[in-house]
């Protein structure tokens, strides 16, 4: 019976460490009025060299396809 209690205890300790990051995230999400880790910029609003290059490539491919 002592082995079962010891196993239960160690499983509880491991579970606490495993779920601590989730608990921290939930705490920070609630603490900042629904914004996780403060103000963040929404996705898609920031300029990026890769996004600009991809947009130019897509537009040039569309231009080639429409000309044919």
N, C-alpha and C. Protein backbone atom coordinates (compact mmCIF):
# COMPACT_ATOMS: atom_id res chain seq x y z
N UNK A 1 0.82 -1.19 0.00
CA UNK A 1 0.00 0.00 0.00
C UNK A 1 0.86 1.26 0.00
N UNK A 2 2.01 1.20 0.66
CA UNK A 2 2.90 2.36 0.70
C UNK A 2 3.44 2.72 -0.67
N UNK A 3 3.64 1.70 -1.53
CA UNK A 3 4.13 1.96 -2.89
C UNK A 3 3.12 2.71 -3.73
N UNK A 4 1.85 2.41 -3.53
CA UNK A 4 0.79 3.08 -4.28
C UNK A 4 0.71 4.55 -3.87
N UNK A 5 0.82 4.82 -2.59
CA UNK A 5 0.76 6.20 -2.10
C UNK A 5 1.97 6.99 -2.59
N UNK A 6 3.15 6.34 -2.56
CA UNK A 6 4.36 7.01 -3.04
C UNK A 6 4.26 7.29 -4.55
N UNK A 7 3.75 6.35 -5.31
CA UNK A 7 3.56 6.55 -6.74
C UNK A 7 2.57 7.69 -7.00
N UNK A 8 1.47 7.73 -6.25
CA UNK A 8 0.48 8.80 -6.39
C UNK A 8 1.11 10.15 -6.10
N UNK A 9 1.93 10.23 -5.06
CA UNK A 9 2.59 11.48 -4.68
C UNK A 9 3.51 11.97 -5.80
N UNK A 10 4.35 11.09 -6.34
CA UNK A 10 5.28 11.49 -7.39
C UNK A 10 4.55 11.86 -8.68
N UNK A 11 3.46 11.17 -8.97
CA UNK A 11 2.66 11.54 -10.14
C UNK A 11 2.05 12.93 -9.95
N UNK A 12 1.62 13.26 -8.75
CA UNK A 12 1.07 14.57 -8.46
C UNK A 12 2.14 15.66 -8.61
N UNK A 13 3.35 15.40 -8.12
CA UNK A 13 4.44 16.36 -8.24
C UNK A 13 4.78 16.59 -9.72
N UNK A 14 4.88 15.52 -10.50
CA UNK A 14 5.20 15.64 -11.93
C UNK A 14 4.08 16.39 -12.66
N UNK A 15 2.82 16.12 -12.32
CA UNK A 15 1.70 16.82 -12.95
C UNK A 15 1.73 18.31 -12.63
N UNK A 16 2.10 18.67 -11.42
CA UNK A 16 2.19 20.09 -11.06
C UNK A 16 3.24 20.80 -11.91
N UNK A 17 4.38 20.17 -12.12
CA UNK A 17 5.42 20.77 -12.96
C UNK A 17 5.00 20.80 -14.42
N UNK A 18 4.28 19.78 -14.86
CA UNK A 18 3.88 19.71 -16.26
C UNK A 18 2.84 20.78 -16.60
N UNK A 19 1.92 21.07 -15.70
CA UNK A 19 0.85 22.01 -15.98
C UNK A 19 1.12 23.41 -15.45
N UNK A 20 2.28 23.65 -14.87
CA UNK A 20 2.60 24.98 -14.37
C UNK A 20 2.63 26.04 -15.47
N UNK A 21 3.21 25.76 -16.67
CA UNK A 21 3.18 26.78 -17.73
C UNK A 21 1.75 27.14 -18.15
N UNK A 22 0.87 26.17 -18.19
CA UNK A 22 -0.53 26.44 -18.55
C UNK A 22 -1.18 27.33 -17.49
N UNK A 23 -0.94 27.04 -16.24
CA UNK A 23 -1.48 27.85 -15.17
C UNK A 23 -0.94 29.27 -15.21
N UNK A 24 0.34 29.42 -15.52
CA UNK A 24 0.94 30.75 -15.62
C UNK A 24 0.31 31.53 -16.77
N UNK A 25 0.10 30.88 -17.91
CA UNK A 25 -0.52 31.55 -19.05
C UNK A 25 -1.93 32.00 -18.71
N UNK A 26 -2.70 31.15 -18.08
CA UNK A 26 -4.07 31.52 -17.70
C UNK A 26 -4.04 32.68 -16.71
N UNK A 27 -3.12 32.65 -15.76
CA UNK A 27 -3.00 33.74 -14.78
C UNK A 27 -2.67 35.06 -15.48
N UNK A 28 -1.71 35.05 -16.40
CA UNK A 28 -1.33 36.27 -17.10
C UNK A 28 -2.45 36.75 -18.01
N UNK A 29 -3.19 35.85 -18.61
CA UNK A 29 -4.29 36.22 -19.49
C UNK A 29 -5.39 36.93 -18.70
N UNK A 30 -5.70 36.42 -17.54
CA UNK A 30 -6.74 37.02 -16.71
C UNK A 30 -6.24 38.32 -16.07
N UNK A 31 -4.98 38.38 -15.70
CA UNK A 31 -4.45 39.54 -15.00
C UNK A 31 -4.36 40.77 -15.89
N UNK A 32 -4.22 40.60 -17.19
CA UNK A 32 -4.05 41.73 -18.11
C UNK A 32 -5.34 42.07 -18.84
N UNK A 33 -6.48 41.89 -18.25
CA UNK A 33 -7.78 42.24 -18.83
C UNK A 33 -8.03 41.53 -20.15
N UNK A 34 -7.71 40.28 -20.20
CA UNK A 34 -7.99 39.50 -21.40
C UNK A 34 -6.93 39.61 -22.47
N UNK A 35 -5.83 40.28 -22.22
CA UNK A 35 -4.75 40.37 -23.20
C UNK A 35 -3.54 39.60 -22.66
N UNK A 36 -3.19 38.50 -23.31
CA UNK A 36 -2.07 37.72 -22.78
C UNK A 36 -0.76 38.47 -22.93
N UNK A 37 -0.05 38.63 -21.84
CA UNK A 37 1.28 39.24 -21.80
C UNK A 37 1.28 40.68 -22.32
N UNK A 38 0.23 41.44 -22.03
CA UNK A 38 0.21 42.86 -22.36
C UNK A 38 -0.26 43.13 -23.78
N UNK A 39 0.03 44.34 -24.25
CA UNK A 39 -0.36 44.75 -25.60
C UNK A 39 0.51 44.05 -26.63
N UNK A 40 -0.14 43.44 -27.59
CA UNK A 40 0.59 42.83 -28.69
C UNK A 40 -0.02 43.34 -29.99
N UNK A 41 0.77 43.37 -31.04
CA UNK A 41 0.29 43.84 -32.33
C UNK A 41 -0.47 42.71 -33.01
N UNK A 42 -1.63 43.00 -33.57
CA UNK A 42 -2.38 41.95 -34.25
C UNK A 42 -1.62 41.42 -35.47
N UNK A 43 -1.86 40.18 -35.78
CA UNK A 43 -1.18 39.56 -36.92
C UNK A 43 -1.68 40.18 -38.21
N UNK A 44 -0.78 40.34 -39.16
CA UNK A 44 -1.14 40.84 -40.47
C UNK A 44 -1.00 42.34 -40.62
N UNK A 45 -0.79 43.08 -39.55
CA UNK A 45 -0.69 44.54 -39.63
C UNK A 45 0.75 45.01 -39.78
N UNK A 46 1.70 44.15 -39.52
CA UNK A 46 3.09 44.58 -39.55
C UNK A 46 3.70 44.34 -40.94
N UNK A 47 4.63 45.22 -41.31
CA UNK A 47 5.32 45.08 -42.58
C UNK A 47 6.40 44.02 -42.46
N UNK A 48 6.59 43.28 -43.53
CA UNK A 48 7.61 42.24 -43.53
C UNK A 48 8.20 42.16 -44.92
N UNK A 49 9.52 42.01 -45.00
CA UNK A 49 10.18 41.88 -46.29
C UNK A 49 9.74 40.62 -47.01
N UNK A 50 9.54 39.55 -46.28
CA UNK A 50 9.11 38.29 -46.89
C UNK A 50 7.69 38.42 -47.45
N UNK A 51 6.79 39.07 -46.68
CA UNK A 51 5.43 39.25 -47.16
C UNK A 51 5.39 40.16 -48.38
N UNK A 52 6.19 41.21 -48.38
CA UNK A 52 6.24 42.10 -49.54
C UNK A 52 6.77 41.38 -50.78
N UNK A 53 7.81 40.57 -50.61
CA UNK A 53 8.37 39.82 -51.72
C UNK A 53 7.35 38.80 -52.24
N UNK A 54 6.66 38.13 -51.36
CA UNK A 54 5.66 37.15 -51.78
C UNK A 54 4.51 37.84 -52.51
N UNK A 55 4.11 39.01 -52.06
CA UNK A 55 3.03 39.75 -52.72
C UNK A 55 3.45 40.17 -54.13
N UNK A 56 4.69 40.63 -54.28
CA UNK A 56 5.19 41.00 -55.60
C UNK A 56 5.24 39.78 -56.53
N UNK A 57 5.68 38.66 -56.00
CA UNK A 57 5.75 37.43 -56.79
C UNK A 57 4.36 36.98 -57.23
N UNK A 58 3.41 37.02 -56.33
CA UNK A 58 2.04 36.62 -56.66
C UNK A 58 1.45 37.55 -57.71
N UNK A 59 1.67 38.86 -57.55
CA UNK A 59 1.15 39.81 -58.52
C UNK A 59 1.79 39.62 -59.89
N UNK A 60 3.08 39.32 -59.93
CA UNK A 60 3.74 39.10 -61.23
C UNK A 60 3.24 37.82 -61.89
N UNK A 61 3.01 36.77 -61.11
CA UNK A 61 2.47 35.53 -61.66
C UNK A 61 1.05 35.76 -62.17
N UNK A 62 0.25 36.51 -61.44
CA UNK A 62 -1.11 36.83 -61.90
C UNK A 62 -1.05 37.62 -63.21
N UNK A 63 -0.12 38.56 -63.30
CA UNK A 63 0.04 39.35 -64.52
C UNK A 63 0.41 38.49 -65.71
N UNK A 64 1.31 37.54 -65.51
CA UNK A 64 1.73 36.64 -66.60
C UNK A 64 0.55 35.75 -67.02
N UNK A 65 -0.20 35.25 -66.07
CA UNK A 65 -1.32 34.36 -66.37
C UNK A 65 -2.43 35.13 -67.11
N UNK A 66 -2.69 36.37 -66.70
CA UNK A 66 -3.76 37.15 -67.33
C UNK A 66 -3.39 37.61 -68.73
N UNK A 67 -2.11 37.77 -69.02
CA UNK A 67 -1.68 38.19 -70.35
C UNK A 67 -1.82 37.07 -71.37
N UNK A 68 -1.77 35.83 -70.93
CA UNK A 68 -1.85 34.70 -71.88
C UNK A 68 -3.23 34.42 -72.32
